[in-house]
């Protein structure tokens, strides 16, 4: 059962995630145990070599993890995260798709795949979340 009634409620809630929002990350779709978020790449996302900064890719994946996991249990916070950067992006947009792999009583595990708008695999993120009790 989702904690958000609809996509608009999730977007309103995550307006409070200032770092992600101010860096252009958006919630595009949301299901019971998954979320899809995206980022249109701008000059501010580039590193000195012209590639997309790893921190921008990580933040997008972390944002998708937060949206999906908090839709299952709110509040859920990151407990342990790992990321593998696979390729440089060639597209103009990044898409992060988070899906639940394990939903336990106090913890959860999500996989997040980050691709560019040309279908290129950019990063693979695994997040363990801690479900805080209210």
Protein backbone atom coordinates (compact mmCIF):
# COMPACT_ATOMS: atom_id res chain seq x y z
CA UNK A 1 0.00 0.00 0.00
CA UNK A 2 1.40 3.39 -1.01
CA UNK A 3 1.90 6.20 1.46
CA UNK A 4 1.25 8.80 -1.26
CA UNK A 5 -2.26 9.09 -2.68
CA UNK A 6 -0.94 10.07 -6.11
CA UNK A 7 2.04 11.40 -8.04
CA UNK A 8 1.19 15.03 -7.25
CA UNK A 9 1.26 14.31 -3.49
CA UNK A 10 4.68 12.69 -3.81
CA UNK A 11 5.98 15.64 -5.82
CA UNK A 12 4.68 18.08 -3.20
CA UNK A 13 6.31 16.09 -0.39
CA UNK A 14 9.67 15.91 -2.15
CA UNK A 15 9.72 19.66 -2.87
CA UNK A 16 11.36 19.61 0.59
CA UNK A 17 14.30 17.69 -0.88
CA UNK A 18 15.96 20.96 -1.83
CA UNK A 19 19.28 19.60 -3.13
CA UNK A 20 17.62 17.27 -5.63
CA UNK A 21 14.94 19.75 -6.69
CA UNK A 22 17.31 22.71 -7.05
CA UNK A 23 19.57 20.56 -9.22
CA UNK A 24 16.74 19.73 -11.64
CA UNK A 25 15.63 16.26 -10.53
CA UNK A 26 11.98 15.36 -11.10
CA UNK A 27 9.63 12.53 -10.18
CA UNK A 28 8.20 11.17 -13.42
CA UNK A 29 6.31 8.04 -12.34
CA UNK A 30 5.50 6.18 -9.15
CA UNK A 31 4.11 2.74 -8.34
CA UNK A 32 3.56 0.68 -5.21
CA UNK A 33 7.20 -0.44 -4.96
CA UNK A 34 9.01 1.51 -7.68
CA UNK A 35 9.75 5.05 -8.85
CA UNK A 36 11.19 6.73 -11.91
CA UNK A 37 13.01 10.06 -11.66
CA UNK A 38 14.96 12.04 -14.22
CA UNK A 39 17.38 14.87 -14.77
CA UNK A 40 17.94 16.99 -17.86
CA UNK A 41 21.70 17.49 -18.02
CA UNK A 42 22.83 21.13 -17.76
CA UNK A 43 26.29 22.70 -17.69
CA UNK A 44 26.18 22.77 -13.87
CA UNK A 45 26.12 18.94 -13.86
CA UNK A 46 29.43 18.65 -15.75
CA UNK A 47 32.85 17.95 -14.29
CA UNK A 48 36.17 19.46 -15.44
CA UNK A 49 36.51 16.77 -18.13
CA UNK A 50 33.07 17.55 -19.58
CA UNK A 51 31.37 14.41 -18.29
CA UNK A 52 28.44 14.33 -15.91
CA UNK A 53 29.69 14.64 -12.33
CA UNK A 54 29.43 11.38 -10.36
CA UNK A 55 27.72 13.30 -7.56
CA UNK A 56 24.91 14.33 -9.92
CA UNK A 57 24.40 10.71 -10.99
CA UNK A 58 24.51 9.54 -7.36
CA UNK A 59 22.03 12.20 -6.27
CA UNK A 60 19.56 11.20 -9.00
CA UNK A 61 19.80 7.52 -8.01
CA UNK A 62 19.49 8.41 -4.31
CA UNK A 63 16.45 10.57 -5.06
CA UNK A 64 14.72 7.70 -6.91
CA UNK A 65 15.55 5.41 -3.95
CA UNK A 66 14.07 7.95 -1.52
CA UNK A 67 10.89 8.40 -3.55
CA UNK A 68 10.27 4.66 -3.97
CA UNK A 69 11.14 3.65 -0.41
CA UNK A 70 9.17 6.46 1.21
CA UNK A 71 6.16 5.46 -0.86
CA UNK A 72 6.30 2.06 0.87
CA UNK A 73 7.12 3.33 4.39
CA UNK A 74 7.51 6.92 5.50
CA UNK A 75 9.96 7.87 6.80
CA UNK A 76 12.68 5.64 5.35
CA UNK A 77 16.29 6.84 5.35
CA UNK A 78 19.41 5.49 3.68
CA UNK A 79 21.43 3.11 5.85
CA UNK A 80 23.98 1.78 3.36
CA UNK A 81 24.48 2.66 -0.28
CA UNK A 82 26.73 1.40 -3.05
CA UNK A 83 27.03 2.59 -6.61
CA UNK A 84 28.87 1.35 -9.67
CA UNK A 85 29.46 3.83 -12.46
CA UNK A 86 29.23 1.90 -15.73
CA UNK A 87 29.56 4.36 -18.61
CA UNK A 88 29.71 8.02 -19.45
CA UNK A 89 26.49 9.49 -20.72
CA UNK A 90 26.01 10.42 -24.35
CA UNK A 91 22.46 11.65 -24.01
CA UNK A 92 20.89 14.86 -22.77
CA UNK A 93 18.85 13.29 -19.98
CA UNK A 94 19.36 10.73 -17.21
CA UNK A 95 16.61 8.41 -15.98
CA UNK A 96 16.75 6.52 -12.66
CA UNK A 97 14.42 3.57 -12.10
CA UNK A 98 14.21 2.31 -8.51
CA UNK A 99 12.55 -0.98 -7.60
CA UNK A 100 12.12 -2.79 -4.32
CA UNK A 101 14.08 -6.04 -3.94
CA UNK A 102 13.32 -6.67 -0.24
CA UNK A 103 10.76 -5.05 2.03
CA UNK A 104 11.40 -6.18 5.59
CA UNK A 105 9.97 -5.09 8.91
CA UNK A 106 12.69 -2.51 9.69
CA UNK A 107 14.84 -2.41 6.54
CA UNK A 108 14.43 -2.52 2.78
CA UNK A 109 16.68 -2.96 -0.24
CA UNK A 110 16.24 -1.16 -3.55
CA UNK A 111 18.06 -1.45 -6.86
CA UNK A 112 18.28 1.67 -8.98
CA UNK A 113 19.33 1.55 -12.62
CA UNK A 114 20.44 4.83 -14.17
CA UNK A 115 20.36 5.09 -17.96
CA UNK A 116 20.60 7.97 -20.38
CA UNK A 117 17.93 8.88 -22.92
CA UNK A 118 19.81 6.85 -25.54
CA UNK A 119 19.42 3.66 -23.46
CA UNK A 120 23.05 3.54 -22.32
CA UNK A 121 23.63 2.00 -18.87
CA UNK A 122 25.21 4.74 -16.73
CA UNK A 123 25.15 3.44 -13.14
CA UNK A 124 23.83 0.71 -10.88
CA UNK A 125 22.92 1.71 -7.31
CA UNK A 126 21.88 -0.50 -4.40
CA UNK A 127 20.41 1.13 -1.32
CA UNK A 128 19.51 -0.34 2.05
CA UNK A 129 16.96 1.76 3.86
CA UNK A 130 16.08 1.94 7.54
CA UNK A 131 12.37 2.30 8.22
CA UNK A 132 12.11 4.79 11.06
CA UNK A 133 9.29 4.32 13.50
CA UNK A 134 7.03 7.29 14.15
